[in-house]
Amino acid sequence: MTSGAIQTWRVRAQASLPDGVTFVREAVLRSSPDPTRPLVVLAWLEGAPAPAAADAKTDENHAVRP
C-alpha cells in the first residue's frame, strides 16, 4: 500500500422555494479506487442557509456586487 494525498471534496447545495423554505445540505466526499463506487461519502450534513448576496464578502472584505 502506498501513501499519498487523497482527493476530497466539499459540496454544498442550497435550494430556496417561493414560500421561503430553504433546503441546505453539505457533503464531504473522497475518491475511491473501487470503480463500482468511485466516491465515498464521509459526511452528510444539514447546513445553514448562506447569507444574502448583498451581505456576502470576498477575501478582500469587499461587498460582492450582483
N, C-alpha and C. Protein backbone atom coordinates (compact mmCIF):
# COMPACT_ATOMS: atom_id res chain seq x y z
N MET A 1 0.84 -1.17 0.00
CA MET A 1 0.00 0.00 0.00
C MET A 1 0.89 1.24 0.00
N THR A 2 0.55 2.20 -0.81
CA THR A 2 1.32 3.44 -0.86
C THR A 2 0.55 4.55 -0.16
N SER A 3 1.30 5.51 0.33
CA SER A 3 0.65 6.65 0.98
C SER A 3 0.75 7.85 0.05
N GLY A 4 -0.13 8.78 0.23
CA GLY A 4 -0.14 9.98 -0.59
C GLY A 4 -1.41 10.76 -0.34
N ALA A 5 -1.54 11.82 -1.09
CA ALA A 5 -2.71 12.68 -0.94
C ALA A 5 -3.97 11.95 -1.41
N ILE A 6 -5.02 12.11 -0.67
CA ILE A 6 -6.32 11.56 -1.04
C ILE A 6 -7.21 12.72 -1.46
N GLN A 7 -7.78 12.62 -2.65
CA GLN A 7 -8.65 13.68 -3.12
C GLN A 7 -9.93 13.70 -2.30
N THR A 8 -10.27 14.90 -1.81
CA THR A 8 -11.53 15.07 -1.09
C THR A 8 -12.23 16.31 -1.63
N TRP A 9 -13.53 16.30 -1.53
CA TRP A 9 -14.34 17.43 -1.98
C TRP A 9 -15.38 17.76 -0.94
N ARG A 10 -15.69 19.05 -0.84
CA ARG A 10 -16.81 19.50 -0.02
C ARG A 10 -17.83 20.10 -0.99
N VAL A 11 -19.04 19.61 -0.92
CA VAL A 11 -20.11 20.04 -1.82
C VAL A 11 -21.23 20.64 -0.98
N ARG A 12 -21.72 21.80 -1.41
CA ARG A 12 -22.82 22.47 -0.71
C ARG A 12 -23.93 22.72 -1.72
N ALA A 13 -25.15 22.34 -1.35
CA ALA A 13 -26.31 22.57 -2.21
C ALA A 13 -27.35 23.33 -1.40
N GLN A 14 -27.89 24.38 -2.01
CA GLN A 14 -28.93 25.17 -1.36
C GLN A 14 -30.04 25.44 -2.35
N ALA A 15 -31.27 25.15 -1.94
CA ALA A 15 -32.44 25.42 -2.77
C ALA A 15 -33.44 26.20 -1.93
N SER A 16 -33.96 27.27 -2.52
CA SER A 16 -34.97 28.09 -1.83
C SER A 16 -36.26 28.06 -2.63
N LEU A 17 -37.35 27.79 -1.94
CA LEU A 17 -38.66 27.73 -2.58
C LEU A 17 -39.35 29.09 -2.51
N PRO A 18 -40.34 29.32 -3.37
CA PRO A 18 -41.05 30.60 -3.36
C PRO A 18 -41.68 30.94 -2.02
N ASP A 19 -42.06 29.93 -1.23
CA ASP A 19 -42.69 30.20 0.06
C ASP A 19 -41.67 30.51 1.17
N GLY A 20 -40.38 30.57 0.80
CA GLY A 20 -39.35 30.92 1.77
C GLY A 20 -38.63 29.75 2.41
N VAL A 21 -39.09 28.53 2.17
CA VAL A 21 -38.43 27.36 2.72
C VAL A 21 -37.08 27.18 2.02
N THR A 22 -36.03 26.95 2.80
CA THR A 22 -34.69 26.76 2.25
C THR A 22 -34.19 25.40 2.68
N PHE A 23 -33.65 24.66 1.73
CA PHE A 23 -33.11 23.32 1.93
C PHE A 23 -31.62 23.40 1.68
N VAL A 24 -30.80 23.06 2.67
CA VAL A 24 -29.34 23.13 2.54
C VAL A 24 -28.75 21.80 2.98
N ARG A 25 -27.86 21.25 2.15
CA ARG A 25 -27.12 20.05 2.51
C ARG A 25 -25.66 20.26 2.15
N GLU A 26 -24.80 19.71 2.99
CA GLU A 26 -23.36 19.75 2.73
C GLU A 26 -22.84 18.32 2.81
N ALA A 27 -21.93 17.98 1.90
CA ALA A 27 -21.35 16.64 1.88
C ALA A 27 -19.84 16.76 1.75
N VAL A 28 -19.14 15.82 2.36
CA VAL A 28 -17.70 15.68 2.18
C VAL A 28 -17.49 14.30 1.57
N LEU A 29 -16.77 14.28 0.45
CA LEU A 29 -16.56 13.04 -0.29
C LEU A 29 -15.08 12.82 -0.53
N ARG A 30 -14.69 11.58 -0.72
CA ARG A 30 -13.32 11.26 -1.11
C ARG A 30 -13.36 10.28 -2.26
N SER A 31 -12.30 10.25 -3.02
CA SER A 31 -12.22 9.31 -4.13
C SER A 31 -11.94 7.91 -3.59
N SER A 32 -12.28 6.92 -4.40
CA SER A 32 -12.09 5.52 -4.02
C SER A 32 -11.46 4.79 -5.20
N PRO A 33 -10.60 3.84 -4.94
CA PRO A 33 -10.02 3.06 -6.04
C PRO A 33 -11.00 2.04 -6.63
N ASP A 34 -12.14 1.85 -6.00
CA ASP A 34 -13.15 0.89 -6.47
C ASP A 34 -13.97 1.51 -7.59
N PRO A 35 -13.86 1.02 -8.82
CA PRO A 35 -14.60 1.62 -9.95
C PRO A 35 -16.12 1.49 -9.82
N THR A 36 -16.60 0.57 -9.01
CA THR A 36 -18.04 0.44 -8.83
C THR A 36 -18.56 1.42 -7.79
N ARG A 37 -17.65 2.03 -7.05
CA ARG A 37 -18.00 3.04 -6.04
C ARG A 37 -16.91 4.12 -6.05
N PRO A 38 -16.91 4.97 -7.08
CA PRO A 38 -15.81 5.93 -7.25
C PRO A 38 -15.72 7.01 -6.18
N LEU A 39 -16.81 7.26 -5.46
CA LEU A 39 -16.80 8.26 -4.40
C LEU A 39 -17.35 7.65 -3.11
N VAL A 40 -16.77 8.05 -1.99
CA VAL A 40 -17.22 7.61 -0.68
C VAL A 40 -17.66 8.84 0.09
N VAL A 41 -18.87 8.82 0.63
CA VAL A 41 -19.39 9.94 1.41
C VAL A 41 -18.84 9.84 2.84
N LEU A 42 -18.09 10.85 3.25
CA LEU A 42 -17.53 10.89 4.60
C LEU A 42 -18.45 11.62 5.56
N ALA A 43 -19.20 12.60 5.05
CA ALA A 43 -20.13 13.37 5.90
C ALA A 43 -21.29 13.84 5.05
N TRP A 44 -22.47 13.86 5.64
CA TRP A 44 -23.70 14.36 5.00
C TRP A 44 -24.42 15.16 6.07
N LEU A 45 -24.44 16.48 5.92
CA LEU A 45 -24.93 17.36 6.97
C LEU A 45 -26.03 18.29 6.48
N GLU A 46 -26.89 18.67 7.39
CA GLU A 46 -27.86 19.73 7.11
C GLU A 46 -27.16 21.04 7.43
N GLY A 47 -27.02 21.89 6.43
CA GLY A 47 -26.31 23.15 6.61
C GLY A 47 -27.24 24.30 6.90
N ALA A 48 -26.63 25.45 7.20
CA ALA A 48 -27.38 26.68 7.42
C ALA A 48 -27.42 27.46 6.11
N PRO A 49 -28.49 28.20 5.87
CA PRO A 49 -28.57 29.00 4.65
C PRO A 49 -27.42 30.00 4.57
N ALA A 50 -26.93 30.21 3.36
CA ALA A 50 -25.86 31.19 3.13
C ALA A 50 -26.43 32.60 3.28
N PRO A 51 -25.59 33.56 3.65
CA PRO A 51 -26.09 34.93 3.74
C PRO A 51 -26.53 35.44 2.37
N ALA A 52 -27.40 36.41 2.37
CA ALA A 52 -27.87 37.01 1.11
C ALA A 52 -26.68 37.57 0.36
N ALA A 53 -26.77 37.61 -0.96
CA ALA A 53 -25.66 38.07 -1.81
C ALA A 53 -25.17 39.45 -1.40
N ALA A 54 -26.06 40.34 -1.00
CA ALA A 54 -25.66 41.69 -0.61
C ALA A 54 -24.80 41.69 0.65
N ASP A 55 -24.94 40.64 1.49
CA ASP A 55 -24.17 40.55 2.72
C ASP A 55 -22.88 39.76 2.55
N ALA A 56 -22.72 39.06 1.42
CA ALA A 56 -21.54 38.22 1.22
C ALA A 56 -20.30 39.10 1.06
N LYS A 57 -19.17 38.57 1.50
CA LYS A 57 -17.90 39.30 1.40
C LYS A 57 -16.91 38.45 0.62
N THR A 58 -15.97 39.13 -0.03
CA THR A 58 -14.88 38.44 -0.71
C THR A 58 -13.72 38.31 0.25
N ASP A 59 -12.64 37.68 -0.19
CA ASP A 59 -11.45 37.56 0.65
C ASP A 59 -10.86 38.92 1.01
N GLU A 60 -11.09 39.92 0.18
CA GLU A 60 -10.58 41.26 0.43
C GLU A 60 -11.55 42.09 1.28
N ASN A 61 -12.61 41.46 1.79
CA ASN A 61 -13.64 42.11 2.61
C ASN A 61 -14.38 43.22 1.89
N HIS A 62 -14.56 43.06 0.60
CA HIS A 62 -15.38 43.98 -0.19
C HIS A 62 -16.73 43.33 -0.42
N ALA A 63 -17.78 44.09 -0.43
CA ALA A 63 -19.10 43.54 -0.69
C ALA A 63 -19.13 42.99 -2.11
N VAL A 64 -19.76 41.84 -2.28
CA VAL A 64 -19.91 41.23 -3.59
C VAL A 64 -21.01 41.97 -4.32
N ARG A 65 -20.74 42.35 -5.54
CA ARG A 65 -21.74 43.06 -6.35
C ARG A 65 -22.45 42.08 -7.25
N PRO A 66 -23.78 42.16 -7.33
CA PRO A 66 -24.51 41.24 -8.23
C PRO A 66 -24.21 41.49 -9.68
